[in-house]
Protein backbone atom coordinates (compact mmCIF):
# COMPACT_ATOMS: atom_id res chain seq x y z
CA MET A 1 0.68 -0.72 -31.02
CA THR A 2 3.21 -2.68 -29.27
CA LEU A 3 2.37 -3.76 -25.70
CA ARG A 4 5.03 -4.16 -23.06
CA ILE A 5 5.15 -6.16 -19.97
CA ARG A 6 6.24 -4.82 -16.69
CA SER A 7 6.84 -6.75 -13.67
CA LEU A 8 5.82 -5.35 -10.18
CA LEU A 9 8.67 -7.46 -8.71
CA GLU A 10 11.44 -6.13 -11.11
CA GLN A 11 14.04 -3.45 -10.53
CA VAL A 12 13.78 -3.66 -6.71
CA PRO A 13 16.94 -2.26 -5.09
CA ASP A 14 18.39 -4.28 -2.29
CA ARG A 15 18.94 -0.95 -0.24
CA LEU A 16 16.24 1.78 0.24
CA ASP A 17 17.15 4.94 2.26
CA GLN A 18 13.67 6.01 2.11
CA GLU A 19 10.43 4.45 1.30
CA ARG A 20 9.59 4.60 -2.52
CA PHE A 21 6.38 5.50 -4.12
CA GLU A 22 6.15 4.96 -7.85
CA THR A 23 2.96 5.83 -9.85
CA TRP A 24 2.45 3.16 -12.54
CA LEU A 25 -0.82 4.39 -13.85
CA GLU A 26 -2.96 7.46 -13.18
CA THR A 27 -6.31 8.65 -14.53
CA SER A 28 -8.77 11.03 -13.22
CA ALA A 29 -10.64 8.11 -11.48
CA LEU A 30 -7.73 5.86 -10.51
CA ARG A 31 -3.98 5.92 -9.40
CA ILE A 32 -2.18 2.72 -9.16
CA GLU A 33 1.20 2.79 -7.16
CA ARG A 34 4.01 0.39 -6.36
CA ILE A 35 5.26 1.10 -2.92
CA LEU A 36 8.78 -0.19 -1.82
CA SER A 37 9.63 -0.46 1.99
CA ARG A 38 12.55 -2.00 3.88
CA GLY A 39 12.35 -1.49 7.64
CA HIS A 40 10.15 1.87 6.95
CA ALA A 41 7.28 3.02 9.06
CA THR A 42 5.16 6.13 9.19
CA PRO A 43 6.76 8.52 11.35
CA ALA A 44 5.46 8.37 14.99
CA GLY A 45 2.47 10.52 15.55
CA GLU A 46 1.66 10.79 11.93
CA TRP A 47 -1.44 9.26 10.17
CA TYR A 48 -2.49 8.87 6.60
CA ASP A 49 -5.90 10.47 6.02
CA GLN A 50 -6.62 10.31 2.31
CA PRO A 51 -9.57 11.82 0.52
CA ARG A 52 -10.03 8.60 -1.75
CA ASP A 53 -10.51 4.90 -0.93
CA GLU A 54 -7.22 2.77 -1.10
CA TRP A 55 -6.98 -0.80 -1.63
CA VAL A 56 -3.58 -2.14 -0.74
CA ALA A 57 -2.02 -5.55 -1.31
CA LEU A 58 1.30 -6.80 -0.01
CA LEU A 59 3.09 -8.69 -2.86
CA GLN A 60 6.39 -9.57 -1.13
CA GLY A 61 7.80 -9.12 2.43
CA ALA A 62 5.92 -8.46 5.66
CA ALA A 63 4.25 -5.29 7.09
CA ARG A 64 2.04 -4.19 9.87
CA LEU A 65 -0.75 -1.58 9.68
CA ALA A 66 -2.28 0.42 12.69
CA ILE A 67 -5.91 1.62 11.94
CA GLU A 68 -7.08 4.45 14.26
CA GLY A 69 -9.60 3.20 16.64
CA GLN A 70 -8.78 -0.45 16.19
CA PRO A 71 -7.01 -2.08 19.17
CA GLU A 72 -5.10 -4.74 17.05
CA GLU A 73 -2.82 -4.12 14.40
CA LEU A 74 -3.07 -5.75 10.98
CA ASP A 75 -0.12 -8.09 10.18
CA LEU A 76 0.24 -8.45 6.48
CA ALA A 77 1.89 -11.37 4.54
CA PRO A 78 2.30 -11.81 0.85
CA GLY A 79 -1.05 -11.97 -0.82
CA ASP A 80 -2.91 -10.14 1.85
CA ALA A 81 -4.93 -7.17 0.89
CA VAL A 82 -6.95 -4.56 2.71
CA LEU A 83 -9.48 -1.90 1.72
CA LEU A 84 -8.91 1.47 3.47
CA PRO A 85 -12.03 3.70 3.01
CA ALA A 86 -11.49 7.39 2.51
CA HIS A 87 -10.38 9.14 5.67
CA CYS A 88 -9.72 6.10 7.51
CA ARG A 89 -6.82 7.14 9.36
CA HIS A 90 -4.03 4.61 9.21
CA ARG A 91 -0.22 4.31 9.43
CA VAL A 92 2.36 1.64 8.67
CA SER A 93 3.93 0.72 11.88
CA TRP A 94 6.44 -1.76 10.71
CA THR A 95 7.99 -3.35 7.80
CA ASP A 96 10.46 -6.24 7.54
CA PRO A 97 14.16 -4.67 7.77
CA ASP A 98 15.67 -7.88 6.29
CA GLN A 99 13.76 -7.81 2.85
CA VAL A 100 12.06 -5.34 0.61
CA SER A 101 8.32 -5.32 0.97
CA ILE A 102 6.37 -4.59 -2.31
CA TRP A 103 2.97 -3.07 -2.09
CA LEU A 104 0.38 -2.64 -4.88
CA ALA A 105 -1.90 0.35 -3.93
CA LEU A 106 -4.97 1.37 -5.85
CA HIS A 107 -6.54 4.82 -4.93
CA PHE A 108 -9.93 5.50 -6.31
CA ALA A 109 -13.04 7.50 -5.46
CA SER A 110 -16.00 5.35 -4.01
CA ASP A 111 -19.58 6.05 -4.69
CA GLY A 112 -20.34 4.87 -1.28
CA THR A 113 -22.05 1.75 -2.37
CA PRO A 114 -20.49 -1.45 -0.58
CA GLN A 115 -19.23 -3.84 -3.22
CA PRO A 116 -19.35 -7.69 -2.80
CA GLY A 117 -16.07 -9.32 -2.32
CA PRO A 118 -14.69 -12.87 -2.54
């Protein structure tokens, strides 16, 4: 078997007419996506309400998330990550229009047991 390296930071276009969602790995238990944004936001009045947990990390760029019921939005910088539990209604309220923001998103089913973190 020949193993191949793929970089999450490669093949990033300078211009994005629309936000790009790329599935990099998918099994019955897990989906890993790379998301590319440049000045994109979730349309006004729309919310993501997903049936699975989502752990998302910002690898490059800058972004802001709105979480329903939270008065303050979350400003994300490279290296920041957040766990969005299933059915946590959220939206991307802003991404930097001057550079591509690269997200790594892991979608998975949680058993409901809180997990320790760093």
